[in-house]
């Protein structure tokens, strides 16, 4: 299985996806995600990542 991110990064980790990915990074804070703020919920709903 190819573990690289389609943004070109060598691996698609949760940290990369949330913080660094040029295609998917969340622009708010981790606190926003933990508090399930509206913008965080919307970001999660629209995220095009399949988890195993």
N, C-alpha and C. Protein backbone atom coordinates (compact mmCIF):
# COMPACT_ATOMS: atom_id res chain seq x y z
N UNK A 1 0.84 -1.17 0.00
CA UNK A 1 0.00 0.00 0.00
C UNK A 1 0.90 1.25 0.00
N UNK A 2 0.59 2.21 -0.84
CA UNK A 2 1.33 3.46 -0.92
C UNK A 2 0.91 4.36 0.24
N UNK A 3 1.86 4.71 1.09
CA UNK A 3 1.55 5.54 2.25
C UNK A 3 1.85 7.01 2.03
N UNK A 4 2.23 7.38 0.80
CA UNK A 4 2.52 8.78 0.54
C UNK A 4 1.22 9.57 0.38
N UNK A 5 1.33 10.84 0.63
CA UNK A 5 0.18 11.73 0.49
C UNK A 5 0.14 12.25 -0.94
N UNK A 6 -1.03 12.46 -1.46
CA UNK A 6 -1.12 12.95 -2.84
C UNK A 6 -0.70 14.41 -2.98
N UNK A 7 -0.34 15.06 -1.89
CA UNK A 7 0.24 16.41 -1.97
C UNK A 7 1.73 16.34 -2.27
N UNK A 8 2.29 15.11 -2.20
CA UNK A 8 3.71 14.92 -2.47
C UNK A 8 4.53 14.57 -1.25
N UNK A 9 3.96 14.69 -0.06
CA UNK A 9 4.68 14.35 1.17
C UNK A 9 4.91 12.84 1.22
N UNK A 10 6.00 12.42 1.83
CA UNK A 10 6.37 11.00 1.84
C UNK A 10 5.42 10.10 2.62
N UNK A 11 4.71 10.63 3.60
CA UNK A 11 3.76 9.79 4.33
C UNK A 11 2.53 10.59 4.72
N UNK A 12 1.41 9.91 4.78
CA UNK A 12 0.14 10.55 5.14
C UNK A 12 -0.19 10.15 6.58
N UNK A 13 0.33 10.92 7.50
CA UNK A 13 0.05 10.69 8.91
C UNK A 13 -1.05 11.66 9.35
N UNK A 14 -1.61 11.40 10.50
CA UNK A 14 -2.62 12.31 11.03
C UNK A 14 -2.01 13.69 11.24
N UNK A 15 -0.81 13.73 11.81
CA UNK A 15 -0.14 15.00 12.04
C UNK A 15 0.07 15.76 10.74
N UNK A 16 0.54 15.07 9.72
CA UNK A 16 0.74 15.71 8.42
C UNK A 16 -0.58 16.24 7.87
N UNK A 17 -1.61 15.43 7.89
CA UNK A 17 -2.90 15.82 7.34
C UNK A 17 -3.47 17.05 8.05
N UNK A 18 -3.40 17.07 9.36
CA UNK A 18 -3.99 18.17 10.14
C UNK A 18 -3.15 19.44 10.07
N UNK A 19 -1.83 19.30 10.13
CA UNK A 19 -0.96 20.46 10.31
C UNK A 19 -0.20 20.94 9.08
N UNK A 20 0.14 20.03 8.16
CA UNK A 20 1.09 20.39 7.11
C UNK A 20 0.58 20.26 5.69
N UNK A 21 -0.37 19.40 5.47
CA UNK A 21 -0.78 19.06 4.10
C UNK A 21 -1.27 20.29 3.34
N UNK A 22 -0.69 20.49 2.17
CA UNK A 22 -1.10 21.65 1.37
C UNK A 22 -2.51 21.48 0.79
N UNK A 23 -3.03 20.26 0.82
CA UNK A 23 -4.37 20.00 0.30
C UNK A 23 -5.44 19.90 1.39
N UNK A 24 -5.05 19.53 2.61
CA UNK A 24 -6.04 19.20 3.63
C UNK A 24 -5.85 19.83 5.00
N UNK A 25 -4.78 20.54 5.25
CA UNK A 25 -4.49 21.04 6.60
C UNK A 25 -5.64 21.88 7.15
N UNK A 26 -5.88 21.74 8.44
CA UNK A 26 -6.90 22.51 9.12
C UNK A 26 -6.31 23.87 9.46
N UNK A 27 -7.01 24.94 9.15
CA UNK A 27 -6.48 26.28 9.38
C UNK A 27 -6.78 26.80 10.79
N UNK A 28 -7.61 26.11 11.50
CA UNK A 28 -7.89 26.50 12.89
C UNK A 28 -6.88 25.86 13.82
N UNK A 29 -7.21 25.83 15.09
CA UNK A 29 -6.31 25.26 16.09
C UNK A 29 -6.75 23.85 16.49
N UNK A 30 -5.83 23.14 17.12
CA UNK A 30 -6.16 21.82 17.66
C UNK A 30 -7.27 21.96 18.70
N UNK A 31 -7.24 23.04 19.43
CA UNK A 31 -8.30 23.31 20.42
C UNK A 31 -9.67 23.37 19.74
N UNK A 32 -9.72 23.99 18.56
CA UNK A 32 -10.98 24.05 17.81
C UNK A 32 -11.49 22.64 17.49
N UNK A 33 -10.58 21.77 17.13
CA UNK A 33 -10.96 20.38 16.82
C UNK A 33 -11.46 19.69 18.09
N UNK A 34 -10.73 19.84 19.18
CA UNK A 34 -11.11 19.20 20.45
C UNK A 34 -12.45 19.72 20.98
N UNK A 35 -12.74 20.98 20.70
CA UNK A 35 -14.01 21.57 21.15
C UNK A 35 -15.14 21.35 20.14
N UNK A 36 -14.81 20.68 19.03
CA UNK A 36 -15.79 20.41 17.97
C UNK A 36 -16.48 21.69 17.51
N UNK A 37 -15.68 22.72 17.32
CA UNK A 37 -16.23 23.98 16.83
C UNK A 37 -16.74 23.79 15.40
N UNK A 38 -17.66 24.62 15.01
CA UNK A 38 -18.33 24.47 13.72
C UNK A 38 -17.36 24.31 12.55
N UNK A 39 -16.33 25.13 12.49
CA UNK A 39 -15.38 25.05 11.38
C UNK A 39 -14.58 23.74 11.40
N UNK A 40 -14.33 23.20 12.58
CA UNK A 40 -13.62 21.93 12.70
C UNK A 40 -14.51 20.78 12.23
N UNK A 41 -15.76 20.79 12.63
CA UNK A 41 -16.70 19.75 12.22
C UNK A 41 -16.87 19.77 10.70
N UNK A 42 -17.00 20.95 10.14
CA UNK A 42 -17.14 21.08 8.68
C UNK A 42 -15.90 20.53 7.98
N UNK A 43 -14.71 20.85 8.48
CA UNK A 43 -13.46 20.35 7.90
C UNK A 43 -13.42 18.82 7.94
N UNK A 44 -13.79 18.24 9.06
CA UNK A 44 -13.79 16.78 9.20
C UNK A 44 -14.79 16.15 8.23
N UNK A 45 -15.98 16.73 8.13
CA UNK A 45 -17.01 16.20 7.24
C UNK A 45 -16.57 16.23 5.77
N UNK A 46 -15.81 17.24 5.41
CA UNK A 46 -15.39 17.40 4.02
C UNK A 46 -14.04 16.75 3.71
N UNK A 47 -13.38 16.21 4.71
CA UNK A 47 -12.07 15.59 4.53
C UNK A 47 -12.20 14.35 3.67
N UNK A 48 -11.36 14.24 2.66
CA UNK A 48 -11.45 13.12 1.72
C UNK A 48 -10.40 12.05 2.04
N UNK A 49 -10.37 11.61 3.29
CA UNK A 49 -9.40 10.63 3.74
C UNK A 49 -10.13 9.36 4.17
N UNK A 50 -9.63 8.24 3.71
CA UNK A 50 -10.18 6.94 4.10
C UNK A 50 -9.32 6.38 5.21
N UNK A 51 -9.94 5.98 6.31
CA UNK A 51 -9.20 5.38 7.42
C UNK A 51 -9.42 3.89 7.43
N UNK A 52 -8.42 3.20 7.89
CA UNK A 52 -8.51 1.74 7.97
C UNK A 52 -8.59 1.28 9.39
